[in-house]
Amino acid sequence: MRLVDAVYARIVELANQEDKSFYKVARDGCVPYSTIVTMRRSSTVKLSTLYCVCDGLNITLKDFFDSPLFAKENISD
C-alpha cells in the first residue's frame, strides 16, 4: 500500500480505538477536518499535519508509527 494510505488507515485505527470521530480529531489537533478526509485521495502528507493529528489523538509521532502498517514490506511507494 502507499505510505499515505497507511497513514490514513492508522488514523482510522487510532480514532476508532479512542472512539473519536475525524471531526473531533481534527478539532482537538487544530487541523481542518477536510485535510483528514481528503488525505485518502492525496499523494502526500505533511509531517506538520500528521503532528497535529497526533496531538488530536493525544499520542506522539513515535506511537503513531509504531504499527505493522509501516513495515517495509507493507509500503509500496
N, C-alpha and C. Protein backbone atom coordinates (compact mmCIF):
# COMPACT_ATOMS: atom_id res chain seq x y z
N MET A 1 0.84 -1.18 0.00
CA MET A 1 0.00 0.00 0.00
C MET A 1 0.88 1.24 0.00
N ARG A 2 0.32 2.33 -0.48
CA ARG A 2 1.07 3.58 -0.47
C ARG A 2 1.23 4.08 0.97
N LEU A 3 2.28 4.82 1.20
CA LEU A 3 2.53 5.36 2.54
C LEU A 3 1.37 6.22 3.02
N VAL A 4 0.84 7.05 2.15
CA VAL A 4 -0.28 7.90 2.54
C VAL A 4 -1.51 7.05 2.91
N ASP A 5 -1.69 5.91 2.26
CA ASP A 5 -2.80 5.02 2.61
C ASP A 5 -2.58 4.40 3.99
N ALA A 6 -1.33 4.07 4.30
CA ALA A 6 -1.02 3.53 5.63
C ALA A 6 -1.25 4.59 6.71
N VAL A 7 -0.90 5.82 6.42
CA VAL A 7 -1.13 6.92 7.37
C VAL A 7 -2.63 7.08 7.61
N TYR A 8 -3.40 7.10 6.55
CA TYR A 8 -4.84 7.24 6.68
C TYR A 8 -5.43 6.06 7.47
N ALA A 9 -5.01 4.85 7.14
CA ALA A 9 -5.50 3.66 7.85
C ALA A 9 -5.16 3.73 9.33
N ARG A 10 -3.98 4.24 9.65
CA ARG A 10 -3.57 4.35 11.06
C ARG A 10 -4.42 5.39 11.79
N ILE A 11 -4.74 6.48 11.12
CA ILE A 11 -5.61 7.49 11.74
C ILE A 11 -6.97 6.88 12.03
N VAL A 12 -7.49 6.15 11.07
CA VAL A 12 -8.79 5.47 11.26
C VAL A 12 -8.71 4.52 12.45
N GLU A 13 -7.67 3.71 12.48
CA GLU A 13 -7.48 2.73 13.56
C GLU A 13 -7.43 3.41 14.92
N LEU A 14 -6.61 4.44 15.05
CA LEU A 14 -6.44 5.12 16.33
C LEU A 14 -7.69 5.90 16.73
N ALA A 15 -8.36 6.52 15.78
CA ALA A 15 -9.60 7.24 16.08
C ALA A 15 -10.66 6.26 16.59
N ASN A 16 -10.75 5.10 15.96
CA ASN A 16 -11.70 4.09 16.41
C ASN A 16 -11.38 3.59 17.81
N GLN A 17 -10.08 3.39 18.09
CA GLN A 17 -9.68 2.94 19.42
C GLN A 17 -10.08 3.94 20.50
N GLU A 18 -9.99 5.22 20.16
CA GLU A 18 -10.33 6.28 21.12
C GLU A 18 -11.80 6.68 21.04
N ASP A 19 -12.54 6.02 20.14
CA ASP A 19 -13.95 6.34 19.91
C ASP A 19 -14.12 7.83 19.59
N LYS A 20 -13.23 8.32 18.70
CA LYS A 20 -13.26 9.72 18.28
C LYS A 20 -13.62 9.79 16.80
N SER A 21 -14.43 10.75 16.44
CA SER A 21 -14.73 11.00 15.04
C SER A 21 -13.57 11.77 14.41
N PHE A 22 -13.50 11.76 13.09
CA PHE A 22 -12.49 12.56 12.41
C PHE A 22 -12.65 14.03 12.77
N TYR A 23 -13.90 14.45 12.90
CA TYR A 23 -14.16 15.85 13.26
C TYR A 23 -13.52 16.19 14.60
N LYS A 24 -13.68 15.33 15.59
CA LYS A 24 -13.10 15.59 16.91
C LYS A 24 -11.57 15.53 16.87
N VAL A 25 -11.01 14.58 16.13
CA VAL A 25 -9.56 14.50 15.99
C VAL A 25 -9.04 15.80 15.37
N ALA A 26 -9.72 16.24 14.31
CA ALA A 26 -9.31 17.47 13.62
C ALA A 26 -9.42 18.67 14.56
N ARG A 27 -10.53 18.78 15.25
CA ARG A 27 -10.73 19.91 16.17
C ARG A 27 -9.70 19.91 17.28
N ASP A 28 -9.48 18.75 17.90
CA ASP A 28 -8.52 18.65 19.01
C ASP A 28 -7.09 18.88 18.56
N GLY A 29 -6.80 18.61 17.29
CA GLY A 29 -5.45 18.80 16.78
C GLY A 29 -5.26 20.09 15.99
N CYS A 30 -6.33 20.90 15.92
CA CYS A 30 -6.30 22.18 15.19
C CYS A 30 -5.93 21.98 13.72
N VAL A 31 -6.53 20.96 13.12
CA VAL A 31 -6.34 20.65 11.71
C VAL A 31 -7.70 20.78 11.03
N PRO A 32 -7.76 21.35 9.84
CA PRO A 32 -9.05 21.39 9.15
C PRO A 32 -9.59 19.96 8.93
N TYR A 33 -10.84 19.77 9.21
CA TYR A 33 -11.49 18.48 9.03
C TYR A 33 -11.27 17.96 7.61
N SER A 34 -11.38 18.85 6.64
CA SER A 34 -11.23 18.46 5.24
C SER A 34 -9.84 17.90 4.95
N THR A 35 -8.85 18.33 5.69
CA THR A 35 -7.49 17.83 5.49
C THR A 35 -7.42 16.33 5.77
N ILE A 36 -8.06 15.91 6.84
CA ILE A 36 -8.04 14.49 7.19
C ILE A 36 -8.88 13.69 6.19
N VAL A 37 -10.04 14.19 5.85
CA VAL A 37 -10.94 13.48 4.96
C VAL A 37 -10.34 13.32 3.56
N THR A 38 -9.69 14.34 3.05
CA THR A 38 -9.14 14.28 1.70
C THR A 38 -7.76 13.62 1.65
N MET A 39 -7.18 13.34 2.80
CA MET A 39 -5.87 12.70 2.86
C MET A 39 -5.86 11.38 2.08
N ARG A 40 -6.95 10.70 2.09
CA ARG A 40 -7.06 9.40 1.42
C ARG A 40 -6.83 9.50 -0.09
N ARG A 41 -7.21 10.65 -0.65
CA ARG A 41 -7.05 10.85 -2.10
C ARG A 41 -5.76 11.58 -2.44
N SER A 42 -5.00 11.93 -1.44
CA SER A 42 -3.78 12.69 -1.65
C SER A 42 -2.60 11.76 -1.97
N SER A 43 -1.54 12.35 -2.45
CA SER A 43 -0.33 11.57 -2.72
C SER A 43 0.74 11.83 -1.68
N THR A 44 0.52 12.83 -0.83
CA THR A 44 1.49 13.16 0.22
C THR A 44 0.76 13.58 1.49
N VAL A 45 1.50 13.53 2.58
CA VAL A 45 1.00 14.03 3.86
C VAL A 45 2.14 14.83 4.48
N LYS A 46 1.84 16.04 4.89
CA LYS A 46 2.86 16.87 5.52
C LYS A 46 3.09 16.39 6.95
N LEU A 47 4.34 16.37 7.34
CA LEU A 47 4.69 15.95 8.69
C LEU A 47 4.04 16.87 9.72
N SER A 48 3.97 18.14 9.44
CA SER A 48 3.35 19.08 10.37
C SER A 48 1.86 18.77 10.56
N THR A 49 1.20 18.34 9.50
CA THR A 49 -0.21 17.94 9.60
C THR A 49 -0.33 16.69 10.45
N LEU A 50 0.52 15.73 10.20
CA LEU A 50 0.49 14.49 10.97
C LEU A 50 0.78 14.74 12.45
N TYR A 51 1.68 15.66 12.71
CA TYR A 51 2.00 16.04 14.09
C TYR A 51 0.74 16.58 14.79
N CYS A 52 -0.01 17.41 14.09
CA CYS A 52 -1.24 17.97 14.66
C CYS A 52 -2.30 16.89 14.84
N VAL A 53 -2.40 15.97 13.90
CA VAL A 53 -3.34 14.85 14.03
C VAL A 53 -2.99 14.04 15.27
N CYS A 54 -1.70 13.78 15.47
CA CYS A 54 -1.27 13.04 16.65
C CYS A 54 -1.65 13.78 17.92
N ASP A 55 -1.53 15.10 17.88
CA ASP A 55 -1.94 15.91 19.03
C ASP A 55 -3.43 15.73 19.29
N GLY A 56 -4.22 15.68 18.23
CA GLY A 56 -5.65 15.46 18.37
C GLY A 56 -5.99 14.07 18.89
N LEU A 57 -5.09 13.13 18.69
CA LEU A 57 -5.27 11.76 19.19
C LEU A 57 -4.58 11.55 20.54
N ASN A 58 -3.90 12.57 21.03
CA ASN A 58 -3.16 12.52 22.30
C ASN A 58 -2.07 11.45 22.30
N ILE A 59 -1.35 11.37 21.17
CA ILE A 59 -0.23 10.42 21.06
C ILE A 59 0.97 11.14 20.45
N THR A 60 2.11 10.49 20.48
CA THR A 60 3.31 11.03 19.86
C THR A 60 3.44 10.47 18.45
N LEU A 61 4.32 11.08 17.67
CA LEU A 61 4.62 10.54 16.35
C LEU A 61 5.18 9.13 16.46
N LYS A 62 5.99 8.91 17.49
CA LYS A 62 6.55 7.57 17.70
C LYS A 62 5.43 6.55 17.89
N ASP A 63 4.44 6.89 18.71
CA ASP A 63 3.30 6.00 18.92
C ASP A 63 2.54 5.77 17.61
N PHE A 64 2.41 6.84 16.83
CA PHE A 64 1.67 6.74 15.57
C PHE A 64 2.31 5.73 14.63
N PHE A 65 3.62 5.82 14.50
CA PHE A 65 4.31 4.94 13.55
C PHE A 65 4.63 3.57 14.12
N ASP A 66 4.29 3.33 15.36
CA ASP A 66 4.52 2.03 15.97
C ASP A 66 3.38 1.09 15.59
N SER A 67 3.40 0.66 14.34
CA SER A 67 2.34 -0.18 13.80
C SER A 67 2.88 -1.03 12.65
N PRO A 68 2.40 -2.24 12.50
CA PRO A 68 2.81 -3.08 11.38
C PRO A 68 2.46 -2.47 10.02
N LEU A 69 1.53 -1.53 10.00
CA LEU A 69 1.17 -0.87 8.75
C LEU A 69 2.39 -0.24 8.08
N PHE A 70 3.37 0.17 8.89
CA PHE A 70 4.53 0.89 8.36
C PHE A 70 5.76 0.00 8.16
N ALA A 71 5.57 -1.31 8.25
CA ALA A 71 6.69 -2.23 7.97
C ALA A 71 7.06 -2.09 6.49
N LYS A 72 8.35 -2.20 6.22
CA LYS A 72 8.84 -2.03 4.84
C LYS A 72 8.08 -2.86 3.83
N GLU A 73 7.78 -4.10 4.19
CA GLU A 73 7.10 -4.98 3.25
C GLU A 73 5.66 -4.58 2.96
N ASN A 74 5.10 -3.70 3.76
CA ASN A 74 3.72 -3.25 3.55
C ASN A 74 3.61 -1.97 2.75
N ILE A 75 4.72 -1.28 2.54
CA ILE A 75 4.71 0.00 1.82
C ILE A 75 5.27 -0.19 0.43
N SER A 76 4.52 0.28 -0.56
CA SER A 76 4.93 0.05 -1.94
C SER A 76 5.53 1.27 -2.64
N ASP A 77 5.41 2.45 -2.03
CA ASP A 77 5.94 3.61 -2.76
C ASP A 77 7.18 4.17 -2.18
